[in-house]
Amino acid sequence: MAPVFPRMRWVALLWLAIWVPAYGHVWGWANFLHICDVAVILTGIGLWRGDALLLSSQAVSSIVADLAWCADAAWRLFFGRHLVGGTEYMWDARFPLWVRLLSLFHAFLPVLLLWALHRVGYDRRGWLVQSALAALLLVISRFFGATINLNYAFVDPLFHRSWGPPPVHLAIIFWGMIALIYWPTHLALAKFFPQRG
């Protein structure tokens, strides 16, 4: 059977071949536990396999979050301060500029995912898969300490505070992601894209 994405699958493979070693070398391999970085890898696999479920799960995760990343980066670029934070590293000269620029995947990934879903359809199980993955990543993130604050497992991104003991904080972050990002995105994708799964 012919691949669903005959050209884009090779572009995705080339991107991962450049992006993974560069990110791993500069920011360390723990960086790949960020939900947004997991999304890049799973999107690449989804494009290679033409997998609607994988692509749907990452669309649920990435579209809103990446738009927020873009808004924060643009706000910093034009107004000199961050809107909500999360893109501070883009202005940190300790890291090579070309590696920082690889983070512009945040600007392209939502468009790529919407295009891919137009081709393969939206699998309504995507938000469940992504929710389970996010829960797992949040728990793992607690083992990497508050200094890194992977996936906001210690301090939330909006109020910049911890919400009680670890289980309580993780539950608030988890349900916040579902309520503010995953479920609304799921509803929008289910409405506007053909159904799969």
C-alpha atoms as a PDB file:
ATOM      1  CA  MET A   1       0.000   0.000   0.000  1.00  0.00           C
ATOM      2  CA  ALA A   2       1.314   3.458  -0.915  1.00  0.00           C
ATOM      3  CA  PRO A   3       2.300   5.678   2.037  1.00  0.00           C
ATOM      4  CA  VAL A   4      -0.186   8.398   2.970  1.00  0.00           C
ATOM      5  CA  PHE A   5       2.555  11.038   3.096  1.00  0.00           C
ATOM      6  CA  PRO A   6       5.061   9.957   0.433  1.00  0.00           C
ATOM      7  CA  ARG A   7       7.181  13.137   0.608  1.00  0.00           C
ATOM      8  CA  MET A   8       6.426  14.549   4.034  1.00  0.00           C
ATOM      9  CA  ARG A   9       7.431  11.303   5.740  1.00  0.00           C
ATOM     10  CA  TRP A  10      10.978  11.804   4.428  1.00  0.00           C
ATOM     11  CA  VAL A  11      10.974  15.469   5.429  1.00  0.00           C
ATOM     12  CA  ALA A  12       9.921  14.389   8.937  1.00  0.00           C
ATOM     13  CA  LEU A  13      12.685  11.793   9.075  1.00  0.00           C
ATOM     14  CA  LEU A  14      15.290  14.351   7.968  1.00  0.00           C
ATOM     15  CA  TRP A  15      14.006  16.854  10.535  1.00  0.00           C
ATOM     16  CA  LEU A  16      14.274  14.311  13.356  1.00  0.00           C
ATOM     17  CA  ALA A  17      17.770  13.319  12.209  1.00  0.00           C
ATOM     18  CA  ILE A  18      18.880  16.952  12.673  1.00  0.00           C
ATOM     19  CA  TRP A  19      16.687  18.062  15.565  1.00  0.00           C
ATOM     20  CA  VAL A  20      17.091  15.122  17.972  1.00  0.00           C
ATOM     21  CA  PRO A  21      20.923  15.132  18.142  1.00  0.00           C
ATOM     22  CA  ALA A  22      21.086  18.942  18.275  1.00  0.00           C
ATOM     23  CA  TYR A  23      18.551  19.220  21.099  1.00  0.00           C
ATOM     24  CA  GLY A  24      20.024  16.278  22.964  1.00  0.00           C
ATOM     25  CA  HIS A  25      23.540  17.720  22.796  1.00  0.00           C
ATOM     26  CA  VAL A  26      22.635  21.284  23.802  1.00  0.00           C
ATOM     27  CA  TRP A  27      19.789  20.791  26.290  1.00  0.00           C
ATOM     28  CA  GLY A  28      20.303  17.210  27.407  1.00  0.00           C
ATOM     29  CA  TRP A  29      18.235  14.123  26.807  1.00  0.00           C
ATOM     30  CA  ALA A  30      15.788  14.873  29.625  1.00  0.00           C
ATOM     31  CA  ASN A  31      14.546  17.697  27.409  1.00  0.00           C
ATOM     32  CA  PHE A  32      12.727  15.090  25.317  1.00  0.00           C
ATOM     33  CA  LEU A  33      10.324  14.538  28.204  1.00  0.00           C
ATOM     34  CA  HIS A  34       8.717  17.915  27.479  1.00  0.00           C
ATOM     35  CA  ILE A  35       5.241  17.295  26.105  1.00  0.00           C
ATOM     36  CA  CYS A  36       5.968  19.604  23.166  1.00  0.00           C
ATOM     37  CA  ASP A  37       9.128  17.701  22.262  1.00  0.00           C
ATOM     38  CA  VAL A  38       7.394  14.342  22.556  1.00  0.00           C
ATOM     39  CA  ALA A  39       4.839  15.796  20.131  1.00  0.00           C
ATOM     40  CA  VAL A  40       7.545  16.427  17.531  1.00  0.00           C
ATOM     41  CA  ILE A  41       8.779  12.838  17.725  1.00  0.00           C
ATOM     42  CA  LEU A  42       5.294  11.292  17.680  1.00  0.00           C
ATOM     43  CA  THR A  43       4.228  13.547  14.812  1.00  0.00           C
ATOM     44  CA  GLY A  44       7.248  12.345  12.848  1.00  0.00           C
ATOM     45  CA  ILE A  45       6.279   8.736  13.526  1.00  0.00           C
ATOM     46  CA  GLY A  46       2.660   9.509  12.678  1.00  0.00           C
ATOM     47  CA  LEU A  47       3.651  11.022   9.345  1.00  0.00           C
ATOM     48  CA  TRP A  48       5.910   8.086   8.552  1.00  0.00           C
ATOM     49  CA  ARG A  49       3.153   5.564   9.281  1.00  0.00           C
ATOM     50  CA  GLY A  50       0.193   7.666   8.132  1.00  0.00           C
ATOM     51  CA  ASP A  51      -1.277   7.024  11.582  1.00  0.00           C
ATOM     52  CA  ALA A  52      -4.421   9.072  12.240  1.00  0.00           C
ATOM     53  CA  LEU A  53      -4.477   8.225  15.958  1.00  0.00           C
ATOM     54  CA  LEU A  54      -0.917   9.402  16.584  1.00  0.00           C
ATOM     55  CA  LEU A  55      -1.413  12.560  14.541  1.00  0.00           C
ATOM     56  CA  SER A  56      -4.740  13.276  16.237  1.00  0.00           C
ATOM     57  CA  SER A  57      -3.282  12.870  19.715  1.00  0.00           C
ATOM     58  CA  GLN A  58      -0.489  15.298  18.929  1.00  0.00           C
ATOM     59  CA  ALA A  59      -2.870  17.796  17.343  1.00  0.00           C
ATOM     60  CA  VAL A  60      -4.871  17.785  20.584  1.00  0.00           C
ATOM     61  CA  SER A  61      -1.671  18.457  22.496  1.00  0.00           C
ATOM     62  CA  SER A  62       0.135  20.871  20.226  1.00  0.00           C
ATOM     63  CA  ILE A  63      -2.127  23.309  18.422  1.00  0.00           C
ATOM     64  CA  VAL A  64      -3.118  25.510  21.377  1.00  0.00           C
ATOM     65  CA  ALA A  65       0.163  25.060  23.268  1.00  0.00           C
ATOM     66  CA  ASP A  66       2.248  25.957  20.213  1.00  0.00           C
ATOM     67  CA  LEU A  67       0.113  29.006  19.484  1.00  0.00           C
ATOM     68  CA  ALA A  68       0.708  30.127  23.094  1.00  0.00           C
ATOM     69  CA  TRP A  69       4.454  29.579  22.581  1.00  0.00           C
ATOM     70  CA  CYS A  70       4.327  31.701  19.406  1.00  0.00           C
ATOM     71  CA  ALA A  71       2.368  34.437  21.171  1.00  0.00           C
ATOM     72  CA  ASP A  72       4.902  34.553  24.014  1.00  0.00           C
ATOM     73  CA  ALA A  73       7.884  34.646  21.649  1.00  0.00           C
ATOM     74  CA  ALA A  74       6.274  37.367  19.515  1.00  0.00           C
ATOM     75  CA  TRP A  75       5.374  39.411  22.598  1.00  0.00           C
ATOM     76  CA  ARG A  76       8.980  39.241  23.777  1.00  0.00           C
ATOM     77  CA  LEU A  77      10.261  40.151  20.304  1.00  0.00           C
ATOM     78  CA  PHE A  78       8.018  43.190  19.858  1.00  0.00           C
ATOM     79  CA  PHE A  79       7.449  44.418  23.414  1.00  0.00           C
ATOM     80  CA  GLY A  80      10.598  43.298  25.235  1.00  0.00           C
ATOM     81  CA  ARG A  81       8.885  41.123  27.838  1.00  0.00           C
ATOM     82  CA  HIS A  82       7.184  37.740  27.960  1.00  0.00           C
ATOM     83  CA  LEU A  83       3.434  37.338  27.851  1.00  0.00           C
ATOM     84  CA  VAL A  84       3.265  34.167  29.970  1.00  0.00           C
ATOM     85  CA  GLY A  85       6.777  32.735  29.731  1.00  0.00           C
ATOM     86  CA  GLY A  86       8.195  29.540  28.357  1.00  0.00           C
ATOM     87  CA  THR A  87      10.310  31.044  25.576  1.00  0.00           C
ATOM     88  CA  GLU A  88      13.009  32.711  27.673  1.00  0.00           C
ATOM     89  CA  TYR A  89      15.640  30.326  26.313  1.00  0.00           C
ATOM     90  CA  MET A  90      15.149  31.766  22.825  1.00  0.00           C
ATOM     91  CA  TRP A  91      17.031  34.893  23.989  1.00  0.00           C
ATOM     92  CA  ASP A  92      19.688  33.091  25.982  1.00  0.00           C
ATOM     93  CA  ALA A  93      23.008  33.618  24.175  1.00  0.00           C
ATOM     94  CA  ARG A  94      24.615  30.729  26.086  1.00  0.00           C
ATOM     95  CA  PHE A  95      22.949  28.410  23.576  1.00  0.00           C
ATOM     96  CA  PRO A  96      23.838  28.387  19.844  1.00  0.00           C
ATOM     97  CA  LEU A  97      21.452  30.518  17.822  1.00  0.00           C
ATOM     98  CA  TRP A  98      20.895  27.829  15.191  1.00  0.00           C
ATOM     99  CA  VAL A  99      19.761  25.375  17.876  1.00  0.00           C
ATOM    100  CA  ARG A 100      17.430  27.952  19.405  1.00  0.00           C
ATOM    101  CA  LEU A 101      15.975  28.577  15.951  1.00  0.00           C
ATOM    102  CA  LEU A 102      15.102  24.874  15.700  1.00  0.00           C
ATOM    103  CA  SER A 103      12.452  25.680  18.318  1.00  0.00           C
ATOM    104  CA  LEU A 104      10.533  27.490  15.613  1.00  0.00           C
ATOM    105  CA  PHE A 105       8.911  24.117  15.030  1.00  0.00           C
ATOM    106  CA  HIS A 106       6.303  25.542  17.414  1.00  0.00           C
ATOM    107  CA  ALA A 107       5.215  27.862  14.601  1.00  0.00           C
ATOM    108  CA  PHE A 108       4.999  25.156  11.949  1.00  0.00           C
ATOM    109  CA  LEU A 109       3.750  22.110  13.849  1.00  0.00           C
ATOM    110  CA  PRO A 110       0.115  23.269  14.212  1.00  0.00           C
ATOM    111  CA  VAL A 111      -0.138  23.942  10.467  1.00  0.00           C
ATOM    112  CA  LEU A 112       1.491  20.613   9.658  1.00  0.00           C
ATOM    113  CA  LEU A 113      -0.856  18.723  11.978  1.00  0.00           C
ATOM    114  CA  LEU A 114      -3.963  20.417  10.575  1.00  0.00           C
ATOM    115  CA  TRP A 115      -2.815  19.581   7.052  1.00  0.00           C
ATOM    116  CA  ALA A 116      -2.142  15.968   8.059  1.00  0.00           C
ATOM    117  CA  LEU A 117      -5.573  15.617   9.693  1.00  0.00           C
ATOM    118  CA  HIS A 118      -7.146  16.980   6.524  1.00  0.00           C
ATOM    119  CA  ARG A 119      -5.535  14.008   4.739  1.00  0.00           C
ATOM    120  CA  VAL A 120      -6.129  11.207   7.248  1.00  0.00           C
ATOM    121  CA  GLY A 121      -9.058  12.479   9.331  1.00  0.00           C
ATOM    122  CA  TYR A 122      -9.367  13.015  13.067  1.00  0.00           C
ATOM    123  CA  ASP A 123      -9.402   9.989  15.361  1.00  0.00           C
ATOM    124  CA  ARG A 124     -11.677  10.833  18.281  1.00  0.00           C
ATOM    125  CA  ARG A 125      -9.577   8.664  20.605  1.00  0.00           C
ATOM    126  CA  GLY A 126      -6.693  11.109  20.190  1.00  0.00           C
ATOM    127  CA  TRP A 127      -7.519  13.169  23.264  1.00  0.00           C
ATOM    128  CA  LEU A 128      -7.630  10.036  25.435  1.00  0.00           C
ATOM    129  CA  VAL A 129      -4.253   8.845  24.163  1.00  0.00           C
ATOM    130  CA  GLN A 130      -2.749  12.282  24.743  1.00  0.00           C
ATOM    131  CA  SER A 131      -4.281  12.564  28.205  1.00  0.00           C
ATOM    132  CA  ALA A 132      -2.773   9.232  29.247  1.00  0.00           C
ATOM    133  CA  LEU A 133       0.603  10.255  27.812  1.00  0.00           C
ATOM    134  CA  ALA A 134       0.486  13.626  29.596  1.00  0.00           C
ATOM    135  CA  ALA A 135      -0.325  11.937  32.927  1.00  0.00           C
ATOM    136  CA  LEU A 136       2.668   9.635  32.528  1.00  0.00           C
ATOM    137  CA  LEU A 137       5.002  12.493  31.549  1.00  0.00           C
ATOM    138  CA  LEU A 138       3.839  14.634  34.472  1.00  0.00           C
ATOM    139  CA  VAL A 139       4.643  11.889  36.978  1.00  0.00           C
ATOM    140  CA  ILE A 140       8.058  11.235  35.407  1.00  0.00           C
ATOM    141  CA  SER A 141       8.766  14.983  35.385  1.00  0.00           C
ATOM    142  CA  ARG A 142       8.647  15.106  39.194  1.00  0.00           C
ATOM    143  CA  PHE A 143      11.849  13.046  39.296  1.00  0.00           C
ATOM    144  CA  PHE A 144      13.849  15.773  37.519  1.00  0.00           C
ATOM    145  CA  GLY A 145      13.522  18.456  40.182  1.00  0.00           C
ATOM    146  CA  ALA A 146      12.016  21.900  40.545  1.00  0.00           C
ATOM    147  CA  THR A 147      14.931  23.661  38.847  1.00  0.00           C
ATOM    148  CA  ILE A 148      14.011  22.138  35.485  1.00  0.00           C
ATOM    149  CA  ASN A 149      10.241  22.200  36.175  1.00  0.00           C
ATOM    150  CA  LEU A 150       9.562  19.813  33.278  1.00  0.00           C
ATOM    151  CA  ASN A 151       5.981  20.116  32.058  1.00  0.00           C
ATOM    152  CA  TYR A 152       5.219  22.482  34.947  1.00  0.00           C
ATOM    153  CA  ALA A 153       5.276  19.544  37.344  1.00  0.00           C
ATOM    154  CA  PHE A 154       6.442  21.852  40.164  1.00  0.00           C
ATOM    155  CA  VAL A 155       5.254  25.383  39.285  1.00  0.00           C
ATOM    156  CA  ASP A 156       2.351  26.251  37.002  1.00  0.00           C
ATOM    157  CA  PRO A 157       2.884  28.427  33.883  1.00  0.00           C
ATOM    158  CA  LEU A 158       0.227  31.064  34.591  1.00  0.00           C
ATOM    159  CA  PHE A 159       0.439  31.949  38.290  1.00  0.00           C
ATOM    160  CA  HIS A 160       4.017  30.684  38.774  1.00  0.00           C
ATOM    161  CA  ARG A 161       3.202  28.833  41.982  1.00  0.00           C
ATOM    162  CA  SER A 162       2.944  25.335  43.367  1.00  0.00           C
ATOM    163  CA  TRP A 163      -0.512  24.064  44.236  1.00  0.00           C
ATOM    164  CA  GLY A 164       0.060  22.043  47.387  1.00  0.00           C
ATOM    165  CA  PRO A 165       1.582  18.574  47.791  1.00  0.00           C
ATOM    166  CA  PRO A 166       2.865  16.832  44.647  1.00  0.00           C
ATOM    167  CA  PRO A 167      -0.281  14.737  43.956  1.00  0.00           C
ATOM    168  CA  VAL A 168      -2.495  17.817  44.256  1.00  0.00           C
ATOM    169  CA  HIS A 169      -0.264  19.969  42.067  1.00  0.00           C
ATOM    170  CA  LEU A 170       0.021  17.263  39.400  1.00  0.00           C
ATOM    171  CA  ALA A 171      -3.747  16.723  39.425  1.00  0.00           C
ATOM    172  CA  ILE A 172      -4.377  20.454  38.968  1.00  0.00           C
ATOM    173  CA  ILE A 173      -1.892  20.700  36.090  1.00  0.00           C
ATOM    174  CA  PHE A 174      -3.304  17.547  34.480  1.00  0.00           C
ATOM    175  CA  TRP A 175      -6.960  18.562  34.701  1.00  0.00           C
ATOM    176  CA  GLY A 176      -6.037  22.098  33.694  1.00  0.00           C
ATOM    177  CA  MET A 177      -4.464  20.769  30.490  1.00  0.00           C
ATOM    178  CA  ILE A 178      -7.554  18.717  29.753  1.00  0.00           C
ATOM    179  CA  ALA A 179     -10.020  21.520  30.520  1.00  0.00           C
ATOM    180  CA  LEU A 180      -8.124  24.346  28.816  1.00  0.00           C
ATOM    181  CA  ILE A 181      -6.355  22.578  25.945  1.00  0.00           C
ATOM    182  CA  TYR A 182      -7.186  18.949  25.197  1.00  0.00           C
ATOM    183  CA  TRP A 183     -10.969  18.827  25.464  1.00  0.00           C
ATOM    184  CA  PRO A 184     -11.715  22.125  23.627  1.00  0.00           C
ATOM    185  CA  THR A 185      -9.248  21.190  20.883  1.00  0.00           C
ATOM    186  CA  HIS A 186     -10.790  17.730  20.638  1.00  0.00           C
ATOM    187  CA  LEU A 187     -14.261  19.221  20.191  1.00  0.00           C
ATOM    188  CA  ALA A 188     -13.055  21.607  17.488  1.00  0.00           C
ATOM    189  CA  LEU A 189     -11.160  18.919  15.578  1.00  0.00           C
ATOM    190  CA  ALA A 190     -14.073  16.477  15.830  1.00  0.00           C
ATOM    191  CA  LYS A 191     -16.368  19.135  14.376  1.00  0.00           C
ATOM    192  CA  PHE A 192     -14.237  20.313  11.489  1.00  0.00           C
ATOM    193  CA  PHE A 193     -12.358  17.210  10.321  1.00  0.00           C
ATOM    194  CA  PRO A 194     -13.549  13.904   8.905  1.00  0.00           C
ATOM    195  CA  GLN A 195     -13.755  11.169  11.530  1.00  0.00           C
ATOM    196  CA  ARG A 196     -11.444   8.179  11.866  1.00  0.00           C
ATOM    197  CA  GLY A 197     -11.398   5.522  14.548  1.00  0.00           C
END
